[in-house]
Amino acid sequence: MRAAKLQVDSDLPLHGLSPDVETTLTVIVGERVRQYRLAAGLSQEALCVSLGLSRPSLANAERGRHVLS
């Protein structure tokens, strides 16, 4: 399984969206990442290894506390 790496400029807001909308999108994306990870039968650790992320970063992203970059 080869994962694409998404590059996001973390200095820019999500296309000029309000903070409330940006937070909502961050939560939705995190939930989707978790759903797809579980559907693929992957643990957080396995996905982190394939993406080159730390497990805490992924856990925070899945909870909507962190934007993956």
N, C-alpha and C. Protein backbone atom coordinates (compact mmCIF):
# COMPACT_ATOMS: atom_id res chain seq x y z
N MET A 1 0.84 -1.17 0.00
CA MET A 1 0.00 0.00 0.00
C MET A 1 0.89 1.23 0.00
N ARG A 2 0.72 2.07 -0.96
CA ARG A 2 1.51 3.29 -1.06
C ARG A 2 0.60 4.47 -0.76
N ALA A 3 1.02 5.28 0.17
CA ALA A 3 0.21 6.43 0.57
C ALA A 3 0.79 7.70 -0.05
N ALA A 4 -0.07 8.54 -0.52
CA ALA A 4 0.35 9.83 -1.05
C ALA A 4 0.56 10.79 0.11
N LYS A 5 1.57 11.60 0.01
CA LYS A 5 1.84 12.58 1.06
C LYS A 5 1.21 13.91 0.65
N LEU A 6 0.35 14.42 1.47
CA LEU A 6 -0.33 15.67 1.22
C LEU A 6 0.47 16.80 1.84
N GLN A 7 0.81 17.78 1.04
CA GLN A 7 1.55 18.94 1.53
C GLN A 7 0.58 20.09 1.72
N VAL A 8 0.59 20.67 2.90
CA VAL A 8 -0.27 21.80 3.20
C VAL A 8 0.59 22.89 3.81
N ASP A 9 0.43 24.11 3.33
CA ASP A 9 1.14 25.24 3.90
C ASP A 9 0.46 25.62 5.20
N SER A 10 1.09 25.26 6.32
CA SER A 10 0.44 25.45 7.63
C SER A 10 0.36 26.92 8.04
N ASP A 11 1.05 27.82 7.33
CA ASP A 11 0.97 29.24 7.66
C ASP A 11 -0.29 29.89 7.10
N LEU A 12 -0.94 29.23 6.18
CA LEU A 12 -2.12 29.80 5.56
C LEU A 12 -3.38 29.16 6.12
N PRO A 13 -4.42 29.94 6.34
CA PRO A 13 -5.68 29.33 6.77
C PRO A 13 -6.26 28.51 5.62
N LEU A 14 -7.19 27.66 5.92
CA LEU A 14 -7.80 26.83 4.89
C LEU A 14 -8.63 27.70 3.96
N HIS A 15 -8.02 28.22 2.94
CA HIS A 15 -8.66 29.04 1.91
C HIS A 15 -9.43 30.21 2.49
N GLY A 16 -8.89 30.81 3.55
CA GLY A 16 -9.51 32.00 4.11
C GLY A 16 -10.79 31.75 4.88
N LEU A 17 -11.01 30.54 5.32
CA LEU A 17 -12.23 30.21 6.05
C LEU A 17 -12.18 30.75 7.46
N SER A 18 -13.34 30.97 8.03
CA SER A 18 -13.39 31.43 9.41
C SER A 18 -12.85 30.33 10.33
N PRO A 19 -12.37 30.72 11.51
CA PRO A 19 -11.84 29.72 12.44
C PRO A 19 -12.84 28.61 12.79
N ASP A 20 -14.13 28.96 12.89
CA ASP A 20 -15.15 27.95 13.21
C ASP A 20 -15.26 26.92 12.09
N VAL A 21 -15.26 27.38 10.87
CA VAL A 21 -15.36 26.47 9.73
C VAL A 21 -14.09 25.64 9.61
N GLU A 22 -12.94 26.27 9.81
CA GLU A 22 -11.67 25.55 9.75
C GLU A 22 -11.63 24.45 10.80
N THR A 23 -12.10 24.75 12.02
CA THR A 23 -12.13 23.75 13.08
C THR A 23 -13.07 22.61 12.72
N THR A 24 -14.23 22.93 12.19
CA THR A 24 -15.19 21.90 11.78
C THR A 24 -14.59 21.00 10.71
N LEU A 25 -13.93 21.58 9.72
CA LEU A 25 -13.31 20.78 8.67
C LEU A 25 -12.19 19.90 9.23
N THR A 26 -11.43 20.43 10.16
CA THR A 26 -10.34 19.66 10.77
C THR A 26 -10.91 18.43 11.49
N VAL A 27 -12.02 18.60 12.18
CA VAL A 27 -12.66 17.48 12.88
C VAL A 27 -13.20 16.46 11.87
N ILE A 28 -13.85 16.93 10.82
CA ILE A 28 -14.41 16.02 9.81
C ILE A 28 -13.30 15.23 9.13
N VAL A 29 -12.23 15.90 8.75
CA VAL A 29 -11.11 15.20 8.09
C VAL A 29 -10.51 14.17 9.04
N GLY A 30 -10.34 14.53 10.29
CA GLY A 30 -9.81 13.58 11.27
C GLY A 30 -10.69 12.35 11.42
N GLU A 31 -12.00 12.56 11.46
CA GLU A 31 -12.93 11.43 11.56
C GLU A 31 -12.82 10.54 10.33
N ARG A 32 -12.70 11.14 9.16
CA ARG A 32 -12.57 10.36 7.92
C ARG A 32 -11.28 9.57 7.88
N VAL A 33 -10.19 10.18 8.32
CA VAL A 33 -8.90 9.47 8.38
C VAL A 33 -9.06 8.23 9.25
N ARG A 34 -9.67 8.39 10.41
CA ARG A 34 -9.87 7.26 11.32
C ARG A 34 -10.76 6.19 10.69
N GLN A 35 -11.86 6.60 10.05
CA GLN A 35 -12.76 5.64 9.41
C GLN A 35 -12.04 4.83 8.33
N TYR A 36 -11.29 5.51 7.47
CA TYR A 36 -10.57 4.81 6.40
C TYR A 36 -9.46 3.92 6.95
N ARG A 37 -8.78 4.39 8.02
CA ARG A 37 -7.72 3.58 8.64
C ARG A 37 -8.31 2.28 9.19
N LEU A 38 -9.43 2.41 9.90
CA LEU A 38 -10.06 1.22 10.48
C LEU A 38 -10.61 0.30 9.38
N ALA A 39 -11.20 0.88 8.34
CA ALA A 39 -11.73 0.07 7.23
C ALA A 39 -10.62 -0.70 6.53
N ALA A 40 -9.42 -0.12 6.52
CA ALA A 40 -8.28 -0.79 5.90
C ALA A 40 -7.63 -1.80 6.84
N GLY A 41 -8.12 -1.85 8.08
CA GLY A 41 -7.58 -2.80 9.06
C GLY A 41 -6.21 -2.42 9.57
N LEU A 42 -5.92 -1.13 9.59
CA LEU A 42 -4.61 -0.66 10.04
C LEU A 42 -4.67 -0.09 11.45
N SER A 43 -3.64 -0.35 12.21
CA SER A 43 -3.51 0.29 13.51
C SER A 43 -2.94 1.69 13.28
N GLN A 44 -3.03 2.52 14.29
CA GLN A 44 -2.41 3.85 14.16
C GLN A 44 -0.92 3.71 13.90
N GLU A 45 -0.29 2.79 14.59
CA GLU A 45 1.15 2.59 14.44
C GLU A 45 1.51 2.18 13.01
N ALA A 46 0.75 1.26 12.44
CA ALA A 46 1.03 0.81 11.07
C ALA A 46 0.87 1.94 10.07
N LEU A 47 -0.18 2.74 10.21
CA LEU A 47 -0.38 3.86 9.30
C LEU A 47 0.71 4.90 9.48
N CYS A 48 1.12 5.14 10.70
CA CYS A 48 2.18 6.11 10.97
C CYS A 48 3.49 5.70 10.32
N VAL A 49 3.81 4.43 10.39
CA VAL A 49 5.05 3.95 9.78
C VAL A 49 5.00 4.18 8.27
N SER A 50 3.87 3.87 7.64
CA SER A 50 3.78 4.01 6.19
C SER A 50 3.76 5.48 5.75
N LEU A 51 3.27 6.38 6.62
CA LEU A 51 3.20 7.80 6.28
C LEU A 51 4.38 8.61 6.80
N GLY A 52 5.15 8.03 7.69
CA GLY A 52 6.26 8.77 8.28
C GLY A 52 5.81 9.80 9.31
N LEU A 53 4.74 9.48 10.04
CA LEU A 53 4.20 10.36 11.08
C LEU A 53 4.44 9.76 12.45
N SER A 54 4.41 10.61 13.46
CA SER A 54 4.44 10.07 14.82
C SER A 54 3.01 9.66 15.18
N ARG A 55 2.89 8.68 16.08
CA ARG A 55 1.56 8.23 16.48
C ARG A 55 0.78 9.33 17.19
N PRO A 56 1.41 10.14 18.06
CA PRO A 56 0.65 11.23 18.67
C PRO A 56 0.10 12.23 17.65
N SER A 57 0.85 12.49 16.57
CA SER A 57 0.35 13.41 15.53
C SER A 57 -0.90 12.84 14.87
N LEU A 58 -0.87 11.56 14.56
CA LEU A 58 -2.03 10.93 13.94
C LEU A 58 -3.22 10.90 14.90
N ALA A 59 -2.96 10.56 16.15
CA ALA A 59 -4.03 10.51 17.15
C ALA A 59 -4.68 11.89 17.29
N ASN A 60 -3.88 12.93 17.35
CA ASN A 60 -4.43 14.29 17.45
C ASN A 60 -5.19 14.68 16.19
N ALA A 61 -4.71 14.27 15.04
CA ALA A 61 -5.42 14.56 13.78
C ALA A 61 -6.76 13.86 13.75
N GLU A 62 -6.79 12.60 14.18
CA GLU A 62 -8.06 11.86 14.19
C GLU A 62 -9.07 12.48 15.15
N ARG A 63 -8.59 13.15 16.17
CA ARG A 63 -9.48 13.81 17.15
C ARG A 63 -9.82 15.25 16.74
N GLY A 64 -9.27 15.70 15.61
CA GLY A 64 -9.55 17.05 15.14
C GLY A 64 -8.75 18.13 15.87
N ARG A 65 -7.67 17.73 16.52
CA ARG A 65 -6.85 18.69 17.26
C ARG A 65 -5.62 19.16 16.48
N HIS A 66 -5.37 18.53 15.34
CA HIS A 66 -4.16 18.81 14.58
C HIS A 66 -4.43 18.62 13.10
N VAL A 67 -3.91 19.52 12.28
CA VAL A 67 -4.04 19.39 10.82
C VAL A 67 -2.81 18.67 10.30
N LEU A 68 -3.03 17.58 9.60
CA LEU A 68 -1.90 16.86 9.02
C LEU A 68 -1.29 17.67 7.90
N SER A 69 0.03 17.65 7.82
CA SER A 69 0.68 18.36 6.72
C SER A 69 1.74 17.48 6.10
